[in-house]
């Protein structure tokens, strides 16, 4: 494997783990074994690609990262810029998008796949929302969040949301969450 492909794979690994190196201005490169030969690099790259390709494993890794961030106190911190906005855990958002597989997770959505087109940056046109308002103490974990199309998100955000509707979203998110974590084992 030539050097540029290996560095590209290492950068994808950093992106996969969302480790941004602000001093270098790119995703952090994982440490390289000094004695790693071409065969070892190929094996490591194949292992990385397998993990990245399996949605259940990817979801489990993102969920574990989100839970770790909550344990470290990185949730519900006020952000210095933006007034009353709270910090959010990126891994939670990515996990919910991974779990949704490009469709609105609202079980009452009339057309959950209409957003299956991709945006300019190759991400789904979905909005990730906390089922219970994050600013009011809602958990910043994938099991407490849902991916919704812009229409369902507007309905949830701009109208009076009933406890029944929140319970439906909560049970849907939790069921999908548990299903993917079970598949990752």
C-alpha atoms as a PDB file:
ATOM      1  CA  UNK A   1       0.000   0.000   0.000  1.00  0.00           C
ATOM      2  CA  UNK A   2       1.573   3.281  -1.020  1.00  0.00           C
ATOM      3  CA  UNK A   3       2.142   6.075   1.475  1.00  0.00           C
ATOM      4  CA  UNK A   4      -0.638   8.402   0.264  1.00  0.00           C
ATOM      5  CA  UNK A   5      -3.321   5.695   0.491  1.00  0.00           C
ATOM      6  CA  UNK A   6      -2.172   4.795   3.975  1.00  0.00           C
ATOM      7  CA  UNK A   7      -2.312   8.444   5.098  1.00  0.00           C
ATOM      8  CA  UNK A   8      -5.760   8.783   3.524  1.00  0.00           C
ATOM      9  CA  UNK A   9      -6.972   5.718   5.444  1.00  0.00           C
ATOM     10  CA  UNK A  10      -5.528   7.138   8.656  1.00  0.00           C
ATOM     11  CA  UNK A  11      -7.298  10.464   8.054  1.00  0.00           C
ATOM     12  CA  UNK A  12     -10.599   8.613   7.467  1.00  0.00           C
ATOM     13  CA  UNK A  13      -9.936   6.806  10.755  1.00  0.00           C
ATOM     14  CA  UNK A  14      -9.579  10.183  12.501  1.00  0.00           C
ATOM     15  CA  UNK A  15     -12.774  11.410  10.855  1.00  0.00           C
ATOM     16  CA  UNK A  16     -14.544   8.183  11.869  1.00  0.00           C
ATOM     17  CA  UNK A  17     -13.592   8.885  15.467  1.00  0.00           C
ATOM     18  CA  UNK A  18     -14.297  12.641  15.125  1.00  0.00           C
ATOM     19  CA  UNK A  19     -10.874  13.511  16.500  1.00  0.00           C
ATOM     20  CA  UNK A  20     -10.092  16.977  15.164  1.00  0.00           C
ATOM     21  CA  UNK A  21      -6.513  18.223  15.482  1.00  0.00           C
ATOM     22  CA  UNK A  22      -6.960  22.006  15.632  1.00  0.00           C
ATOM     23  CA  UNK A  23      -3.217  22.722  15.446  1.00  0.00           C
ATOM     24  CA  UNK A  24      -2.764  20.658  12.268  1.00  0.00           C
ATOM     25  CA  UNK A  25      -6.131  21.706  10.799  1.00  0.00           C
ATOM     26  CA  UNK A  26      -7.322  18.197   9.933  1.00  0.00           C
ATOM     27  CA  UNK A  27      -8.620  15.070  11.619  1.00  0.00           C
ATOM     28  CA  UNK A  28      -6.093  13.557  13.989  1.00  0.00           C
ATOM     29  CA  UNK A  29      -3.970  10.762  12.623  1.00  0.00           C
ATOM     30  CA  UNK A  30      -3.847   7.653  14.795  1.00  0.00           C
ATOM     31  CA  UNK A  31      -0.432   6.750  16.089  1.00  0.00           C
ATOM     32  CA  UNK A  32       1.451   4.550  13.716  1.00  0.00           C
ATOM     33  CA  UNK A  33       3.449   1.577  14.832  1.00  0.00           C
ATOM     34  CA  UNK A  34       7.091   2.333  13.960  1.00  0.00           C
ATOM     35  CA  UNK A  35       7.625  -1.163  12.604  1.00  0.00           C
ATOM     36  CA  UNK A  36       4.360  -1.318  10.640  1.00  0.00           C
ATOM     37  CA  UNK A  37       5.019  -2.776   7.234  1.00  0.00           C
ATOM     38  CA  UNK A  38       2.756  -2.697   4.194  1.00  0.00           C
ATOM     39  CA  UNK A  39       0.917  -5.891   5.181  1.00  0.00           C
ATOM     40  CA  UNK A  40       0.211  -4.573   8.699  1.00  0.00           C
ATOM     41  CA  UNK A  41      -1.073  -1.319   7.206  1.00  0.00           C
ATOM     42  CA  UNK A  42      -3.383  -3.230   4.866  1.00  0.00           C
ATOM     43  CA  UNK A  43      -4.721  -5.323   7.737  1.00  0.00           C
ATOM     44  CA  UNK A  44      -5.348  -2.245   9.882  1.00  0.00           C
ATOM     45  CA  UNK A  45      -7.068  -0.495   6.969  1.00  0.00           C
ATOM     46  CA  UNK A  46      -9.317  -3.490   6.271  1.00  0.00           C
ATOM     47  CA  UNK A  47     -10.259  -3.710   9.960  1.00  0.00           C
ATOM     48  CA  UNK A  48     -11.087  -0.004   9.999  1.00  0.00           C
ATOM     49  CA  UNK A  49     -13.183  -0.223   6.835  1.00  0.00           C
ATOM     50  CA  UNK A  50     -15.111  -3.205   8.197  1.00  0.00           C
ATOM     51  CA  UNK A  51     -15.960  -1.264  11.357  1.00  0.00           C
ATOM     52  CA  UNK A  52     -16.967   1.789   9.331  1.00  0.00           C
ATOM     53  CA  UNK A  53     -19.149  -0.268   6.977  1.00  0.00           C
ATOM     54  CA  UNK A  54     -21.180  -2.024   9.666  1.00  0.00           C
ATOM     55  CA  UNK A  55     -23.987   0.343  10.735  1.00  0.00           C
ATOM     56  CA  UNK A  56     -24.607  -1.468  14.018  1.00  0.00           C
ATOM     57  CA  UNK A  57     -20.929  -1.299  15.022  1.00  0.00           C
ATOM     58  CA  UNK A  58     -20.713   2.347  13.944  1.00  0.00           C
ATOM     59  CA  UNK A  59     -23.840   3.160  15.972  1.00  0.00           C
ATOM     60  CA  UNK A  60     -22.498   1.303  19.024  1.00  0.00           C
ATOM     61  CA  UNK A  61     -19.173   3.174  18.834  1.00  0.00           C
ATOM     62  CA  UNK A  62     -20.879   6.562  18.482  1.00  0.00           C
ATOM     63  CA  UNK A  63     -23.270   5.755  21.329  1.00  0.00           C
ATOM     64  CA  UNK A  64     -20.379   4.711  23.578  1.00  0.00           C
ATOM     65  CA  UNK A  65     -18.566   7.960  22.727  1.00  0.00           C
ATOM     66  CA  UNK A  66     -21.699   9.980  23.561  1.00  0.00           C
ATOM     67  CA  UNK A  67     -22.168   8.179  26.900  1.00  0.00           C
ATOM     68  CA  UNK A  68     -18.503   8.785  27.710  1.00  0.00           C
ATOM     69  CA  UNK A  69     -18.900  12.501  26.944  1.00  0.00           C
ATOM     70  CA  UNK A  70     -21.947  12.706  29.243  1.00  0.00           C
ATOM     71  CA  UNK A  71     -19.986  10.973  32.034  1.00  0.00           C
ATOM     72  CA  UNK A  72     -17.154  13.492  31.510  1.00  0.00           C
ATOM     73  CA  UNK A  73     -19.577  16.365  32.004  1.00  0.00           C
ATOM     74  CA  UNK A  74     -19.518  17.591  28.406  1.00  0.00           C
ATOM     75  CA  UNK A  75     -23.302  17.754  28.176  1.00  0.00           C
ATOM     76  CA  UNK A  76     -25.430  20.666  29.364  1.00  0.00           C
ATOM     77  CA  UNK A  77     -22.517  23.115  29.484  1.00  0.00           C
ATOM     78  CA  UNK A  78     -23.351  26.616  28.399  1.00  0.00           C
ATOM     79  CA  UNK A  79     -21.551  27.615  25.237  1.00  0.00           C
ATOM     80  CA  UNK A  80     -19.702  30.925  25.524  1.00  0.00           C
ATOM     81  CA  UNK A  81     -20.905  32.177  22.156  1.00  0.00           C
ATOM     82  CA  UNK A  82     -24.601  31.991  21.511  1.00  0.00           C
ATOM     83  CA  UNK A  83     -26.060  33.018  24.875  1.00  0.00           C
ATOM     84  CA  UNK A  84     -28.285  30.313  26.326  1.00  0.00           C
ATOM     85  CA  UNK A  85     -27.405  27.516  23.915  1.00  0.00           C
ATOM     86  CA  UNK A  86     -26.031  24.380  25.523  1.00  0.00           C
ATOM     87  CA  UNK A  87     -23.124  22.368  24.173  1.00  0.00           C
ATOM     88  CA  UNK A  88     -24.071  19.214  22.334  1.00  0.00           C
ATOM     89  CA  UNK A  89     -22.255  15.952  21.788  1.00  0.00           C
ATOM     90  CA  UNK A  90     -21.477  15.447  18.100  1.00  0.00           C
ATOM     91  CA  UNK A  91     -21.268  11.668  18.460  1.00  0.00           C
ATOM     92  CA  UNK A  92     -24.905  11.594  19.615  1.00  0.00           C
ATOM     93  CA  UNK A  93     -26.060  13.441  16.522  1.00  0.00           C
ATOM     94  CA  UNK A  94     -24.010  11.221  14.214  1.00  0.00           C
ATOM     95  CA  UNK A  95     -25.320   8.076  15.922  1.00  0.00           C
ATOM     96  CA  UNK A  96     -28.949   9.160  15.459  1.00  0.00           C
ATOM     97  CA  UNK A  97     -28.340   9.895  11.768  1.00  0.00           C
ATOM     98  CA  UNK A  98     -26.656   6.506  11.409  1.00  0.00           C
ATOM     99  CA  UNK A  99     -29.598   4.811  13.137  1.00  0.00           C
ATOM    100  CA  UNK A 100     -32.196   6.549  10.954  1.00  0.00           C
ATOM    101  CA  UNK A 101     -30.641   5.219   7.714  1.00  0.00           C
ATOM    102  CA  UNK A 102     -31.883   8.308   5.899  1.00  0.00           C
ATOM    103  CA  UNK A 103     -35.526   8.189   6.946  1.00  0.00           C
ATOM    104  CA  UNK A 104     -37.659  10.165   9.365  1.00  0.00           C
ATOM    105  CA  UNK A 105     -38.000   8.230  12.627  1.00  0.00           C
ATOM    106  CA  UNK A 106     -41.402   9.691  13.487  1.00  0.00           C
ATOM    107  CA  UNK A 107     -43.745   6.674  13.166  1.00  0.00           C
ATOM    108  CA  UNK A 108     -46.578   9.021  12.150  1.00  0.00           C
ATOM    109  CA  UNK A 109     -44.616  10.658   9.315  1.00  0.00           C
ATOM    110  CA  UNK A 110     -46.652  10.425   6.095  1.00  0.00           C
ATOM    111  CA  UNK A 111     -43.533  10.154   3.898  1.00  0.00           C
ATOM    112  CA  UNK A 112     -40.459   9.150   5.944  1.00  0.00           C
ATOM    113  CA  UNK A 113     -38.219   8.583   2.923  1.00  0.00           C
ATOM    114  CA  UNK A 114     -38.791  11.828   1.080  1.00  0.00           C
ATOM    115  CA  UNK A 115     -35.553  13.131   2.591  1.00  0.00           C
ATOM    116  CA  UNK A 116     -33.472  10.220   1.331  1.00  0.00           C
ATOM    117  CA  UNK A 117     -31.738  12.579  -1.107  1.00  0.00           C
ATOM    118  CA  UNK A 118     -28.327  13.725   0.053  1.00  0.00           C
ATOM    119  CA  UNK A 119     -27.204  17.288   0.668  1.00  0.00           C
ATOM    120  CA  UNK A 120     -24.090  18.859  -0.872  1.00  0.00           C
ATOM    121  CA  UNK A 121     -21.900  17.389   1.872  1.00  0.00           C
ATOM    122  CA  UNK A 122     -23.376  13.884   1.379  1.00  0.00           C
ATOM    123  CA  UNK A 123     -25.423  13.910   4.570  1.00  0.00           C
ATOM    124  CA  UNK A 124     -29.124  13.153   4.848  1.00  0.00           C
ATOM    125  CA  UNK A 125     -31.568  16.051   4.911  1.00  0.00           C
ATOM    126  CA  UNK A 126     -32.737  15.168   8.391  1.00  0.00           C
ATOM    127  CA  UNK A 127     -32.817  17.141  11.604  1.00  0.00           C
ATOM    128  CA  UNK A 128     -31.779  15.572  14.882  1.00  0.00           C
ATOM    129  CA  UNK A 129     -33.856  16.697  17.833  1.00  0.00           C
ATOM    130  CA  UNK A 130     -34.003  15.921  21.538  1.00  0.00           C
ATOM    131  CA  UNK A 131     -37.323  14.286  22.413  1.00  0.00           C
ATOM    132  CA  UNK A 132     -37.313  16.114  25.745  1.00  0.00           C
ATOM    133  CA  UNK A 133     -35.926  19.630  25.358  1.00  0.00           C
ATOM    134  CA  UNK A 134     -32.172  19.662  25.887  1.00  0.00           C
ATOM    135  CA  UNK A 135     -32.289  23.095  27.531  1.00  0.00           C
ATOM    136  CA  UNK A 136     -34.738  21.714  30.100  1.00  0.00           C
ATOM    137  CA  UNK A 137     -32.560  18.753  31.020  1.00  0.00           C
ATOM    138  CA  UNK A 138     -33.253  16.301  28.187  1.00  0.00           C
ATOM    139  CA  UNK A 139     -30.475  13.736  27.784  1.00  0.00           C
ATOM    140  CA  UNK A 140     -27.919  14.334  25.041  1.00  0.00           C
ATOM    141  CA  UNK A 141     -27.741  10.638  24.171  1.00  0.00           C
ATOM    142  CA  UNK A 142     -28.940   8.824  21.036  1.00  0.00           C
ATOM    143  CA  UNK A 143     -31.647   6.936  22.936  1.00  0.00           C
ATOM    144  CA  UNK A 144     -33.229  10.299  23.869  1.00  0.00           C
ATOM    145  CA  UNK A 145     -32.983  11.863  20.398  1.00  0.00           C
ATOM    146  CA  UNK A 146     -34.756  11.344  17.107  1.00  0.00           C
ATOM    147  CA  UNK A 147     -34.034  12.093  13.441  1.00  0.00           C
ATOM    148  CA  UNK A 148     -36.941  13.762  11.719  1.00  0.00           C
ATOM    149  CA  UNK A 149     -37.711  15.254   8.359  1.00  0.00           C
ATOM    150  CA  UNK A 150     -38.011  19.048   8.314  1.00  0.00           C
ATOM    151  CA  UNK A 151     -41.821  18.829   8.362  1.00  0.00           C
ATOM    152  CA  UNK A 152     -42.020  16.562  11.423  1.00  0.00           C
ATOM    153  CA  UNK A 153     -39.325  18.598  13.164  1.00  0.00           C
ATOM    154  CA  UNK A 154     -41.322  21.791  12.593  1.00  0.00           C
ATOM    155  CA  UNK A 155     -44.474  20.132  13.908  1.00  0.00           C
ATOM    156  CA  UNK A 156     -42.683  18.957  17.042  1.00  0.00           C
ATOM    157  CA  UNK A 157     -40.932  22.279  17.609  1.00  0.00           C
ATOM    158  CA  UNK A 158     -43.630  24.806  16.725  1.00  0.00           C
ATOM    159  CA  UNK A 159     -46.794  23.275  18.081  1.00  0.00           C
ATOM    160  CA  UNK A 160     -47.850  22.133  21.503  1.00  0.00           C
ATOM    161  CA  UNK A 161     -46.443  18.635  21.805  1.00  0.00           C
ATOM    162  CA  UNK A 162     -48.570  16.197  23.742  1.00  0.00           C
ATOM    163  CA  UNK A 163     -47.133  13.797  26.281  1.00  0.00           C
ATOM    164  CA  UNK A 164     -48.529  10.973  24.148  1.00  0.00           C
ATOM    165  CA  UNK A 165     -46.530  12.109  21.103  1.00  0.00           C
ATOM    166  CA  UNK A 166     -43.320  12.462  23.148  1.00  0.00           C
ATOM    167  CA  UNK A 167     -43.911   8.955  24.572  1.00  0.00           C
ATOM    168  CA  UNK A 168     -44.327   7.591  21.031  1.00  0.00           C
ATOM    169  CA  UNK A 169     -41.072   9.231  19.902  1.00  0.00           C
ATOM    170  CA  UNK A 170     -39.298   8.081  23.075  1.00  0.00           C
ATOM    171  CA  UNK A 171     -40.386   4.449  22.627  1.00  0.00           C
ATOM    172  CA  UNK A 172     -39.454   4.509  18.919  1.00  0.00           C
ATOM    173  CA  UNK A 173     -35.983   5.924  19.603  1.00  0.00           C
ATOM    174  CA  UNK A 174     -35.360   3.501  22.468  1.00  0.00           C
ATOM    175  CA  UNK A 175     -36.491   0.463  20.445  1.00  0.00           C
ATOM    176  CA  UNK A 176     -34.249   1.360  17.497  1.00  0.00           C
ATOM    177  CA  UNK A 177     -31.387   2.160  19.879  1.00  0.00           C
ATOM    178  CA  UNK A 178     -31.622  -1.231  21.602  1.00  0.00           C
ATOM    179  CA  UNK A 179     -32.011  -3.051  18.286  1.00  0.00           C
ATOM    180  CA  UNK A 180     -28.763  -1.627  16.908  1.00  0.00           C
ATOM    181  CA  UNK A 181     -26.812  -2.169  20.102  1.00  0.00           C
ATOM    182  CA  UNK A 182     -27.991  -5.798  20.178  1.00  0.00           C
ATOM    183  CA  UNK A 183     -26.935  -6.247  16.539  1.00  0.00           C
ATOM    184  CA  UNK A 184     -23.469  -4.891  17.350  1.00  0.00           C
ATOM    185  CA  UNK A 185     -22.812  -7.635  19.901  1.00  0.00           C
END
